[in-house]
Amino acid sequence: MFNHEPDGYRCPFCRVLAGIDDEANTQRDIVLRTADAAALIAPRWWPNNHGHVLVVPTAHHENLYDLPDRYGHAVHDVVRRVAVAMRDSYGCDGVSTRQHNEPAGDQDVWHHHVHVFPRYVGDDLHGSTPYERFVPG
């Protein structure tokens, strides 16, 4: 449909879900896994929003356009569970989610994923940029 994944792409989310660790993601990063969706601590953090989480379908689907309803529902259910746990655990003031599709939409990993960010009053999430390097796993 609207796919941008290059030939020979080695999907980092599929790899970690298959038990393969790399410099960005390890098995320790997976905080919740169901049959159809998984949540993992993101390797890239923003200065005032440490510990954001990525929620992905367990099957490889590049973007929202390709995502079957079954996986979309599962991802949403895990996003909600992560948001509640984040609010309880971090004591944050709120939670934001965002999801990107295609290069023009700022998608840079070719596997559907939803970002779940802890939010704090005055944190300037949208005006800040992430740290240059991945946080250690």
Protein backbone atom coordinates (compact mmCIF):
# COMPACT_ATOMS: atom_id res chain seq x y z
CA MET A 1 0.00 0.00 0.00
CA PHE A 2 2.03 3.01 1.28
CA ASN A 3 5.26 1.26 2.24
CA HIS A 4 8.78 2.61 2.51
CA GLU A 5 10.62 -0.32 4.05
CA PRO A 6 13.81 -0.90 2.00
CA ASP A 7 14.73 -4.32 0.61
CA GLY A 8 16.55 -6.38 3.21
CA TYR A 9 15.25 -4.28 6.12
CA ARG A 10 16.08 -5.78 9.51
CA CYS A 11 13.20 -4.65 11.69
CA PRO A 12 14.45 -3.82 15.19
CA PHE A 13 11.06 -4.53 16.77
CA CYS A 14 10.68 -7.92 15.09
CA ARG A 15 14.23 -8.76 16.14
CA VAL A 16 13.74 -7.94 19.82
CA LEU A 17 10.38 -9.74 19.86
CA ALA A 18 12.17 -12.78 18.40
CA GLY A 19 14.68 -12.69 21.27
CA ILE A 20 17.54 -10.94 19.44
CA ASP A 21 19.17 -8.10 21.39
CA ASP A 22 20.98 -5.21 19.71
CA GLU A 23 22.43 -1.82 20.64
CA ALA A 24 18.97 -0.23 20.83
CA ASN A 25 16.71 -2.90 22.35
CA THR A 26 17.16 -5.87 24.65
CA GLN A 27 14.82 -8.41 26.20
CA ARG A 28 14.94 -6.40 29.44
CA ASP A 29 13.18 -3.54 27.64
CA ILE A 30 9.99 -5.56 27.06
CA VAL A 31 7.61 -4.60 29.86
CA LEU A 32 4.39 -6.18 28.60
CA ARG A 33 3.60 -8.71 25.90
CA THR A 34 0.29 -10.12 24.77
CA ALA A 35 -0.39 -12.40 21.80
CA ASP A 36 -0.86 -9.42 19.46
CA ALA A 37 1.00 -6.45 20.99
CA ALA A 38 4.05 -5.65 23.08
CA ALA A 39 5.37 -2.67 25.03
CA LEU A 40 9.02 -1.85 25.47
CA ILE A 41 10.97 0.94 27.07
CA ALA A 42 12.12 3.17 24.23
CA PRO A 43 15.87 3.48 23.69
CA ARG A 44 15.56 7.19 22.80
CA TRP A 45 14.55 9.59 25.54
CA TRP A 46 13.64 13.26 25.67
CA PRO A 47 15.29 15.46 28.33
CA ASN A 48 12.17 16.00 30.44
CA ASN A 49 10.28 12.82 29.58
CA HIS A 50 12.53 9.90 30.53
CA GLY A 51 11.22 6.38 30.22
CA HIS A 52 8.80 6.67 27.35
CA VAL A 53 7.42 3.42 25.98
CA LEU A 54 6.82 2.07 22.49
CA VAL A 55 3.85 -0.20 21.83
CA VAL A 56 4.04 -2.41 18.74
CA PRO A 57 2.00 -5.17 17.14
CA THR A 58 3.72 -8.54 17.52
CA ALA A 59 3.30 -9.18 13.79
CA HIS A 60 5.21 -7.01 11.32
CA HIS A 61 3.00 -4.30 9.83
CA GLU A 62 4.74 -1.20 8.57
CA ASN A 63 2.21 1.49 9.37
CA LEU A 64 -1.34 2.37 10.30
CA TYR A 65 -2.55 1.82 6.74
CA ASP A 66 -1.48 -1.86 6.81
CA LEU A 67 -2.52 -2.64 10.36
CA PRO A 68 -5.32 -5.23 10.61
CA ASP A 69 -8.06 -4.39 13.12
CA ARG A 70 -7.03 -7.27 15.39
CA TYR A 71 -3.58 -5.75 15.92
CA GLY A 72 -4.86 -2.20 16.06
CA HIS A 73 -7.20 -3.10 18.89
CA ALA A 74 -4.45 -5.01 20.70
CA VAL A 75 -2.01 -2.10 20.38
CA HIS A 76 -4.62 0.34 21.70
CA ASP A 77 -5.39 -1.92 24.66
CA VAL A 78 -1.70 -2.13 25.56
CA VAL A 79 -1.27 1.64 25.10
CA ARG A 80 -4.05 2.17 27.65
CA ARG A 81 -2.52 -0.30 30.11
CA VAL A 82 0.91 1.34 29.73
CA ALA A 83 -0.56 4.82 30.21
CA VAL A 84 -2.27 3.78 33.46
CA ALA A 85 0.88 2.05 34.74
CA MET A 86 3.04 5.02 33.73
CA ARG A 87 0.76 7.44 35.58
CA ASP A 88 0.82 5.24 38.69
CA SER A 89 4.55 4.42 38.59
CA TYR A 90 6.09 7.72 37.48
CA GLY A 91 3.67 10.03 39.24
CA CYS A 92 3.55 12.09 36.06
CA ASP A 93 0.93 14.80 35.52
CA GLY A 94 -0.41 13.18 32.35
CA VAL A 95 0.42 10.99 29.38
CA SER A 96 0.72 11.75 25.66
CA THR A 97 0.66 9.30 22.78
CA ARG A 98 1.80 9.79 19.22
CA GLN A 99 2.15 7.65 16.14
CA HIS A 100 3.86 8.46 12.82
CA ASN A 101 3.29 7.16 9.28
CA GLU A 102 5.61 7.48 6.28
CA PRO A 103 8.71 9.71 6.06
CA ALA A 104 6.65 12.90 5.71
CA GLY A 105 4.89 11.93 8.95
CA ASP A 106 8.27 11.43 10.70
CA GLN A 107 8.15 7.62 10.72
CA ASP A 108 11.70 6.29 10.90
CA VAL A 109 11.22 2.64 11.92
CA TRP A 110 9.25 0.59 9.41
CA HIS A 111 7.07 -1.26 11.93
CA HIS A 112 3.92 0.34 13.31
CA HIS A 113 4.49 1.74 16.79
CA VAL A 114 2.86 4.13 19.23
CA HIS A 115 4.92 6.33 21.56
CA VAL A 116 3.60 6.71 25.10
CA PHE A 117 5.23 9.63 26.94
CA PRO A 118 5.03 10.56 30.61
CA ARG A 119 4.10 14.24 30.77
CA TYR A 120 4.83 16.88 33.37
CA VAL A 121 3.56 20.44 33.62
CA GLY A 122 5.94 22.65 31.64
CA ASP A 123 8.00 19.73 30.25
CA ASP A 124 8.16 21.21 26.70
CA LEU A 125 8.03 17.77 25.05
CA HIS A 126 7.08 19.15 21.64
CA GLY A 127 9.65 21.95 21.78
CA SER A 128 12.55 19.72 22.81
CA THR A 129 14.62 17.17 20.93
CA PRO A 130 15.64 13.69 22.06
CA TYR A 131 19.10 12.87 23.31
CA GLU A 132 21.48 12.07 20.46
CA ARG A 133 22.36 8.61 21.74
CA PHE A 134 20.28 5.70 22.89
CA VAL A 135 20.03 5.23 26.63
CA PRO A 136 21.80 2.12 27.90
CA GLY A 137 19.57 -0.97 27.97
